[in-house]
Amino acid sequence: MGKDEEFEARISALEGEVAMLRRVEEEIPALRRETVEAVRNASAAQVLAQAADRDAADVRVVLRGQQRLLNALRETQVEQGQQISEQGRQIDSLRSEMRAGFAEVRSELREAFTKVNLGMSQIVALLAAKEREEGAPDSAAE
């Protein structure tokens, strides 16, 4: 290979490299625009990520509050359940006392009515005897 051919090959290679550099140079403004757009998108994504993080923190706070509320409600329900059970026991006790009292009153009433009936029978017997006594002289007078 001669000097001319070698020189021609080098010039061809340089021209190819220059053409490639020109194409790259033409692409630089578009690449800059894309880079600026990518930076903007990254900034927007970072802002969104921060907002999402704040939102997630807010949700955690709300969930903790709701959990505390549910726990308090559960405690209240347990306490009320215990109170209802105690009141049920008191009602059962009162019912037993009331039934015993009614049974006692019934027994006393039976006893009293028995005495009244006995007294009435005695009064009737006395009145009948008195009537016979008084009636006997009247029938003798006739």
N, C-alpha and C. Protein backbone atom coordinates (compact mmCIF):
# COMPACT_ATOMS: atom_id res chain seq x y z
N MET A 1 0.85 -1.13 0.00
CA MET A 1 0.00 0.00 0.00
C MET A 1 0.91 1.22 0.00
N GLY A 2 0.52 2.12 -0.89
CA GLY A 2 1.33 3.31 -1.07
C GLY A 2 0.89 4.40 -0.12
N LYS A 3 1.76 5.43 -0.10
CA LYS A 3 1.47 6.54 0.78
C LYS A 3 0.18 7.20 0.39
N ASP A 4 -0.10 7.29 -0.86
CA ASP A 4 -1.34 7.92 -1.31
C ASP A 4 -2.56 7.09 -0.88
N GLU A 5 -2.44 5.83 -1.02
CA GLU A 5 -3.57 4.98 -0.64
C GLU A 5 -3.80 5.03 0.87
N GLU A 6 -2.67 5.03 1.58
CA GLU A 6 -2.77 5.11 3.03
C GLU A 6 -3.35 6.46 3.43
N PHE A 7 -2.91 7.50 2.77
CA PHE A 7 -3.42 8.84 3.04
C PHE A 7 -4.91 8.90 2.72
N GLU A 8 -5.32 8.32 1.62
CA GLU A 8 -6.73 8.28 1.22
C GLU A 8 -7.56 7.51 2.25
N ALA A 9 -7.03 6.43 2.75
CA ALA A 9 -7.75 5.63 3.73
C ALA A 9 -7.92 6.42 5.02
N ARG A 10 -6.88 7.13 5.40
CA ARG A 10 -6.94 7.93 6.63
C ARG A 10 -7.92 9.07 6.47
N ILE A 11 -7.91 9.69 5.28
CA ILE A 11 -8.84 10.79 5.03
C ILE A 11 -10.26 10.26 5.03
N SER A 12 -10.49 9.13 4.43
CA SER A 12 -11.82 8.52 4.42
C SER A 12 -12.28 8.22 5.83
N ALA A 13 -11.38 7.69 6.63
CA ALA A 13 -11.71 7.37 8.02
C ALA A 13 -12.04 8.65 8.77
N LEU A 14 -11.24 9.69 8.57
CA LEU A 14 -11.48 10.98 9.23
C LEU A 14 -12.80 11.59 8.76
N GLU A 15 -13.08 11.49 7.48
CA GLU A 15 -14.35 12.03 6.97
C GLU A 15 -15.53 11.28 7.60
N GLY A 16 -15.38 9.96 7.75
CA GLY A 16 -16.44 9.16 8.39
C GLY A 16 -16.63 9.58 9.85
N GLU A 17 -15.48 9.82 10.51
CA GLU A 17 -15.57 10.24 11.91
C GLU A 17 -16.18 11.63 12.01
N VAL A 18 -15.81 12.53 11.09
CA VAL A 18 -16.38 13.88 11.09
C VAL A 18 -17.87 13.81 10.82
N ALA A 19 -18.29 12.96 9.89
CA ALA A 19 -19.71 12.82 9.59
C ALA A 19 -20.45 12.29 10.83
N MET A 20 -19.80 11.33 11.49
CA MET A 20 -20.43 10.80 12.69
C MET A 20 -20.51 11.88 13.77
N LEU A 21 -19.44 12.66 13.93
CA LEU A 21 -19.44 13.74 14.92
C LEU A 21 -20.50 14.79 14.59
N ARG A 22 -20.72 15.06 13.31
CA ARG A 22 -21.76 16.01 12.91
C ARG A 22 -23.14 15.47 13.28
N ARG A 23 -23.34 14.17 13.03
CA ARG A 23 -24.63 13.58 13.40
C ARG A 23 -24.83 13.66 14.92
N VAL A 24 -23.75 13.37 15.65
CA VAL A 24 -23.83 13.44 17.12
C VAL A 24 -24.11 14.88 17.53
N GLU A 25 -23.42 15.83 16.87
CA GLU A 25 -23.62 17.25 17.19
C GLU A 25 -25.05 17.68 16.89
N GLU A 26 -25.64 17.13 15.85
CA GLU A 26 -27.04 17.44 15.53
C GLU A 26 -27.99 16.85 16.58
N GLU A 27 -27.59 15.74 17.16
CA GLU A 27 -28.44 15.10 18.16
C GLU A 27 -28.30 15.74 19.54
N ILE A 28 -27.25 16.52 19.77
CA ILE A 28 -26.99 17.11 21.09
C ILE A 28 -28.16 17.98 21.57
N PRO A 29 -28.72 18.89 20.77
CA PRO A 29 -29.85 19.69 21.28
C PRO A 29 -31.04 18.82 21.69
N ALA A 30 -31.32 17.79 20.89
CA ALA A 30 -32.44 16.90 21.24
C ALA A 30 -32.12 16.16 22.54
N LEU A 31 -30.87 15.72 22.69
CA LEU A 31 -30.46 15.03 23.91
C LEU A 31 -30.55 15.97 25.11
N ARG A 32 -30.16 17.24 24.91
CA ARG A 32 -30.27 18.22 26.00
C ARG A 32 -31.72 18.40 26.41
N ARG A 33 -32.60 18.52 25.40
CA ARG A 33 -34.03 18.66 25.71
C ARG A 33 -34.55 17.44 26.47
N GLU A 34 -34.16 16.26 26.00
CA GLU A 34 -34.58 15.03 26.68
C GLU A 34 -34.03 14.96 28.10
N THR A 35 -32.77 15.43 28.27
CA THR A 35 -32.17 15.43 29.60
C THR A 35 -32.91 16.38 30.52
N VAL A 36 -33.22 17.58 30.02
CA VAL A 36 -33.98 18.55 30.82
C VAL A 36 -35.34 17.96 31.18
N GLU A 37 -35.99 17.35 30.21
CA GLU A 37 -37.30 16.73 30.46
C GLU A 37 -37.18 15.60 31.48
N ALA A 38 -36.11 14.81 31.37
CA ALA A 38 -35.90 13.72 32.33
C ALA A 38 -35.67 14.27 33.74
N VAL A 39 -34.92 15.38 33.84
CA VAL A 39 -34.69 16.00 35.15
C VAL A 39 -36.01 16.52 35.71
N ARG A 40 -36.80 17.16 34.85
CA ARG A 40 -38.12 17.65 35.30
C ARG A 40 -39.00 16.49 35.78
N ASN A 41 -39.02 15.42 34.99
CA ASN A 41 -39.82 14.25 35.37
C ASN A 41 -39.33 13.65 36.70
N ALA A 42 -38.01 13.61 36.86
CA ALA A 42 -37.45 13.08 38.11
C ALA A 42 -37.84 13.97 39.28
N SER A 43 -37.81 15.29 39.08
CA SER A 43 -38.21 16.22 40.14
C SER A 43 -39.68 16.04 40.47
N ALA A 44 -40.51 15.92 39.43
CA ALA A 44 -41.95 15.72 39.66
C ALA A 44 -42.19 14.39 40.38
N ALA A 45 -41.45 13.36 39.98
CA ALA A 45 -41.59 12.06 40.64
C ALA A 45 -41.17 12.15 42.10
N GLN A 46 -40.13 12.92 42.37
CA GLN A 46 -39.69 13.09 43.75
C GLN A 46 -40.75 13.81 44.58
N VAL A 47 -41.36 14.86 44.00
CA VAL A 47 -42.43 15.58 44.69
C VAL A 47 -43.60 14.64 44.97
N LEU A 48 -43.97 13.85 43.96
CA LEU A 48 -45.06 12.89 44.14
C LEU A 48 -44.73 11.86 45.21
N ALA A 49 -43.49 11.39 45.20
CA ALA A 49 -43.08 10.40 46.20
C ALA A 49 -43.15 11.00 47.61
N GLN A 50 -42.73 12.25 47.75
CA GLN A 50 -42.80 12.91 49.06
C GLN A 50 -44.25 13.09 49.50
N ALA A 51 -45.10 13.48 48.55
CA ALA A 51 -46.53 13.64 48.88
C ALA A 51 -47.13 12.29 49.27
N ALA A 52 -46.76 11.24 48.54
CA ALA A 52 -47.27 9.91 48.86
C ALA A 52 -46.79 9.47 50.24
N ASP A 53 -45.55 9.82 50.57
CA ASP A 53 -45.01 9.48 51.89
C ASP A 53 -45.79 10.21 52.98
N ARG A 54 -46.08 11.50 52.76
CA ARG A 54 -46.87 12.27 53.73
C ARG A 54 -48.28 11.68 53.85
N ASP A 55 -48.86 11.33 52.70
CA ASP A 55 -50.20 10.73 52.73
C ASP A 55 -50.19 9.41 53.50
N ALA A 56 -49.17 8.61 53.26
CA ALA A 56 -49.07 7.33 53.97
C ALA A 56 -48.92 7.57 55.47
N ALA A 57 -48.14 8.58 55.85
CA ALA A 57 -47.98 8.91 57.28
C ALA A 57 -49.32 9.36 57.85
N ASP A 58 -50.05 10.17 57.10
CA ASP A 58 -51.37 10.62 57.56
C ASP A 58 -52.31 9.43 57.74
N VAL A 59 -52.27 8.51 56.80
CA VAL A 59 -53.13 7.32 56.88
C VAL A 59 -52.76 6.50 58.11
N ARG A 60 -51.45 6.37 58.38
CA ARG A 60 -51.02 5.62 59.57
C ARG A 60 -51.53 6.30 60.84
N VAL A 61 -51.49 7.63 60.88
CA VAL A 61 -51.99 8.36 62.06
C VAL A 61 -53.49 8.10 62.22
N VAL A 62 -54.22 8.19 61.12
CA VAL A 62 -55.67 7.95 61.17
C VAL A 62 -55.96 6.51 61.61
N LEU A 63 -55.22 5.56 61.06
CA LEU A 63 -55.43 4.16 61.43
C LEU A 63 -55.13 3.92 62.91
N ARG A 64 -54.06 4.56 63.42
CA ARG A 64 -53.76 4.42 64.85
C ARG A 64 -54.90 4.99 65.68
N GLY A 65 -55.43 6.14 65.26
CA GLY A 65 -56.56 6.74 65.96
C GLY A 65 -57.78 5.83 65.94
N GLN A 66 -58.05 5.25 64.80
CA GLN A 66 -59.20 4.34 64.69
C GLN A 66 -58.98 3.09 65.53
N GLN A 67 -57.75 2.61 65.57
CA GLN A 67 -57.45 1.43 66.39
C GLN A 67 -57.67 1.75 67.87
N ARG A 68 -57.22 2.95 68.30
CA ARG A 68 -57.45 3.34 69.70
C ARG A 68 -58.95 3.45 69.97
N LEU A 69 -59.68 4.02 69.02
CA LEU A 69 -61.13 4.16 69.17
C LEU A 69 -61.80 2.79 69.29
N LEU A 70 -61.41 1.86 68.42
CA LEU A 70 -61.99 0.51 68.46
C LEU A 70 -61.64 -0.19 69.78
N ASN A 71 -60.41 0.00 70.26
CA ASN A 71 -60.03 -0.61 71.53
C ASN A 71 -60.86 -0.03 72.68
N ALA A 72 -61.06 1.30 72.66
CA ALA A 72 -61.88 1.93 73.70
C ALA A 72 -63.32 1.42 73.61
N LEU A 73 -63.83 1.30 72.41
CA LEU A 73 -65.19 0.79 72.22
C LEU A 73 -65.30 -0.64 72.73
N ARG A 74 -64.30 -1.44 72.46
CA ARG A 74 -64.29 -2.83 72.93
C ARG A 74 -64.31 -2.86 74.45
N GLU A 75 -63.46 -2.03 75.07
CA GLU A 75 -63.43 -1.98 76.54
C GLU A 75 -64.80 -1.58 77.09
N THR A 76 -65.41 -0.59 76.45
CA THR A 76 -66.73 -0.14 76.89
C THR A 76 -67.74 -1.27 76.76
N GLN A 77 -67.70 -1.99 75.66
CA GLN A 77 -68.64 -3.10 75.45
C GLN A 77 -68.41 -4.20 76.48
N VAL A 78 -67.15 -4.48 76.80
CA VAL A 78 -66.86 -5.50 77.81
C VAL A 78 -67.42 -5.06 79.16
N GLU A 79 -67.18 -3.78 79.51
CA GLU A 79 -67.70 -3.25 80.78
C GLU A 79 -69.22 -3.31 80.80
N GLN A 80 -69.84 -2.90 79.71
CA GLN A 80 -71.30 -2.92 79.66
C GLN A 80 -71.82 -4.35 79.73
N GLY A 81 -71.14 -5.28 79.10
CA GLY A 81 -71.54 -6.68 79.17
C GLY A 81 -71.47 -7.18 80.61
N GLN A 82 -70.42 -6.79 81.32
CA GLN A 82 -70.31 -7.19 82.72
C GLN A 82 -71.42 -6.56 83.55
N GLN A 83 -71.72 -5.28 83.28
CA GLN A 83 -72.80 -4.61 84.01
C GLN A 83 -74.14 -5.29 83.73
N ILE A 84 -74.38 -5.63 82.48
CA ILE A 84 -75.64 -6.30 82.12
C ILE A 84 -75.72 -7.65 82.82
N SER A 85 -74.61 -8.39 82.86
CA SER A 85 -74.61 -9.68 83.56
C SER A 85 -74.92 -9.49 85.04
N GLU A 86 -74.30 -8.48 85.65
CA GLU A 86 -74.55 -8.21 87.07
C GLU A 86 -76.01 -7.82 87.29
N GLN A 87 -76.53 -6.99 86.41
CA GLN A 87 -77.94 -6.59 86.54
C GLN A 87 -78.86 -7.80 86.36
N GLY A 88 -78.49 -8.70 85.47
CA GLY A 88 -79.28 -9.93 85.28
C GLY A 88 -79.28 -10.76 86.56
N ARG A 89 -78.11 -10.86 87.20
CA ARG A 89 -78.05 -11.60 88.46
C ARG A 89 -78.90 -10.91 89.52
N GLN A 90 -78.86 -9.58 89.56
CA GLN A 90 -79.68 -8.85 90.54
C GLN A 90 -81.16 -9.06 90.26
N ILE A 91 -81.54 -9.04 89.01
CA ILE A 91 -82.95 -9.27 88.65
C ILE A 91 -83.37 -10.68 89.06
N ASP A 92 -82.50 -11.66 88.80
CA ASP A 92 -82.81 -13.04 89.20
C ASP A 92 -82.98 -13.13 90.72
N SER A 93 -82.11 -12.44 91.45
CA SER A 93 -82.20 -12.44 92.91
C SER A 93 -83.50 -11.79 93.37
N LEU A 94 -83.82 -10.64 92.76
CA LEU A 94 -85.07 -9.96 93.11
C LEU A 94 -86.28 -10.82 92.77
N ARG A 95 -86.21 -11.50 91.63
CA ARG A 95 -87.31 -12.37 91.23
C ARG A 95 -87.50 -13.49 92.26
N SER A 96 -86.39 -14.06 92.72
CA SER A 96 -86.47 -15.12 93.73
C SER A 96 -87.07 -14.58 95.02
N GLU A 97 -86.60 -13.39 95.44
CA GLU A 97 -87.15 -12.77 96.65
C GLU A 97 -88.64 -12.50 96.48
N MET A 98 -89.01 -11.99 95.32
CA MET A 98 -90.41 -11.65 95.06
C MET A 98 -91.27 -12.91 95.09
N ARG A 99 -90.81 -13.98 94.46
CA ARG A 99 -91.57 -15.23 94.46
C ARG A 99 -91.72 -15.78 95.88
N ALA A 100 -90.63 -15.70 96.65
CA ALA A 100 -90.70 -16.17 98.03
C ALA A 100 -91.68 -15.31 98.82
N GLY A 101 -91.64 -13.99 98.58
CA GLY A 101 -92.56 -13.08 99.26
C GLY A 101 -94.00 -13.37 98.88
N PHE A 102 -94.24 -13.60 97.60
CA PHE A 102 -95.60 -13.91 97.15
C PHE A 102 -96.08 -15.23 97.76
N ALA A 103 -95.18 -16.21 97.82
CA ALA A 103 -95.56 -17.50 98.41
C ALA A 103 -95.92 -17.31 99.89
N GLU A 104 -95.15 -16.48 100.57
CA GLU A 104 -95.43 -16.20 101.98
C GLU A 104 -96.77 -15.48 102.13
N VAL A 105 -97.02 -14.49 101.27
CA VAL A 105 -98.28 -13.75 101.32
C VAL A 105 -99.44 -14.69 101.03
N ARG A 106 -99.27 -15.57 100.00
CA ARG A 106 -100.32 -16.53 99.68
C ARG A 106 -100.62 -17.43 100.88
N SER A 107 -99.56 -17.88 101.51
CA SER A 107 -99.74 -18.76 102.68
C SER A 107 -100.46 -18.01 103.80
N GLU A 108 -100.05 -16.76 104.03
CA GLU A 108 -100.70 -15.96 105.07
C GLU A 108 -102.16 -15.69 104.71
N LEU A 109 -102.43 -15.41 103.44
CA LEU A 109 -103.81 -15.17 103.01
C LEU A 109 -104.66 -16.43 103.19
N ARG A 110 -104.10 -17.59 102.82
CA ARG A 110 -104.85 -18.84 103.01
C ARG A 110 -105.18 -19.04 104.49
N GLU A 111 -104.16 -18.81 105.30
CA GLU A 111 -104.36 -18.97 106.74
C GLU A 111 -105.42 -17.99 107.25
N ALA A 112 -105.33 -16.73 106.77
CA ALA A 112 -106.29 -15.71 107.20
C ALA A 112 -107.69 -16.06 106.71
N PHE A 113 -107.80 -16.47 105.45
CA PHE A 113 -109.12 -16.83 104.92
C PHE A 113 -109.68 -18.06 105.65
N THR A 114 -108.80 -18.98 105.99
CA THR A 114 -109.24 -20.16 106.75
C THR A 114 -109.81 -19.71 108.09
N LYS A 115 -109.10 -18.78 108.76
CA LYS A 115 -109.58 -18.27 110.04
C LYS A 115 -110.90 -17.53 109.86
N VAL A 116 -110.98 -16.71 108.79
CA VAL A 116 -112.21 -15.96 108.52
C VAL A 116 -113.34 -16.94 108.27
N ASN A 117 -113.09 -17.96 107.44
CA ASN A 117 -114.13 -18.97 107.16
C ASN A 117 -114.55 -19.69 108.44
N LEU A 118 -113.58 -20.01 109.26
CA LEU A 118 -113.89 -20.68 110.52
C LEU A 118 -114.72 -19.75 111.40
N GLY A 119 -114.29 -18.49 111.48
CA GLY A 119 -115.04 -17.50 112.27
C GLY A 119 -116.44 -17.31 111.74
N MET A 120 -116.56 -17.23 110.41
CA MET A 120 -117.89 -17.06 109.80
C MET A 120 -118.76 -18.28 110.10
N SER A 121 -118.16 -19.46 110.04
CA SER A 121 -118.92 -20.68 110.35
C SER A 121 -119.40 -20.65 111.80
N GLN A 122 -118.52 -20.19 112.67
CA GLN A 122 -118.91 -20.10 114.08
C GLN A 122 -120.02 -19.07 114.27
N ILE A 123 -119.89 -17.92 113.57
CA ILE A 123 -120.92 -16.88 113.67
C ILE A 123 -122.24 -17.42 113.15
N VAL A 124 -122.21 -18.10 112.02
CA VAL A 124 -123.43 -18.66 111.44
C VAL A 124 -124.02 -19.68 112.42
N ALA A 125 -123.16 -20.51 113.00
CA ALA A 125 -123.65 -21.52 113.94
C ALA A 125 -124.27 -20.84 115.16
N LEU A 126 -123.63 -19.79 115.66
CA LEU A 126 -124.17 -19.06 116.81
C LEU A 126 -125.48 -18.39 116.47
N LEU A 127 -125.54 -17.77 115.28
CA LEU A 127 -126.78 -17.11 114.86
C LEU A 127 -127.89 -18.15 114.70
N ALA A 128 -127.54 -19.28 114.14
CA ALA A 128 -128.55 -20.34 113.97
C ALA A 128 -129.02 -20.83 115.34
N ALA A 129 -128.08 -20.98 116.25
CA ALA A 129 -128.45 -21.44 117.59
C ALA A 129 -129.30 -20.39 118.28
N LYS A 130 -128.93 -19.14 118.12
CA LYS A 130 -129.70 -18.05 118.72
C LYS A 130 -131.09 -18.00 118.13
N GLU A 131 -131.15 -18.19 116.85
CA GLU A 131 -132.45 -18.17 116.16
C GLU A 131 -133.31 -19.33 116.66
N ARG A 132 -132.71 -20.46 116.84
CA ARG A 132 -133.47 -21.61 117.35
C ARG A 132 -133.95 -21.34 118.77
N GLU A 133 -133.08 -20.74 119.57
CA GLU A 133 -133.49 -20.42 120.94
C GLU A 133 -134.64 -19.43 120.93
N GLU A 134 -134.47 -18.42 120.14
CA GLU A 134 -135.52 -17.40 120.09
C GLU A 134 -136.73 -17.94 119.34
N GLY A 135 -136.49 -18.75 118.43
CA GLY A 135 -137.59 -19.30 117.65
C GLY A 135 -138.36 -20.35 118.43
N ALA A 136 -137.76 -21.03 119.33
CA ALA A 136 -138.43 -22.06 120.09
C ALA A 136 -139.52 -21.47 120.97
N PRO A 137 -139.32 -20.37 121.69
CA PRO A 137 -140.41 -19.81 122.47
C PRO A 137 -141.51 -19.31 121.57
N ASP A 138 -141.21 -18.78 120.44
CA ASP A 138 -142.27 -18.29 119.54
C ASP A 138 -143.13 -19.45 119.09
N SER A 139 -142.52 -20.53 118.80
CA SER A 139 -143.32 -21.66 118.35
C SER A 139 -144.09 -22.24 119.54
N ALA A 140 -143.63 -22.10 120.76
CA ALA A 140 -144.37 -22.56 121.92
C ALA A 140 -145.54 -21.64 122.19
N ALA A 141 -145.38 -20.37 121.89
CA ALA A 141 -146.45 -19.39 122.10
C ALA A 141 -147.56 -19.63 121.13
N GLU A 142 -147.35 -20.19 120.12
CA GLU A 142 -148.41 -20.40 119.12
C GLU A 142 -149.23 -21.50 119.55
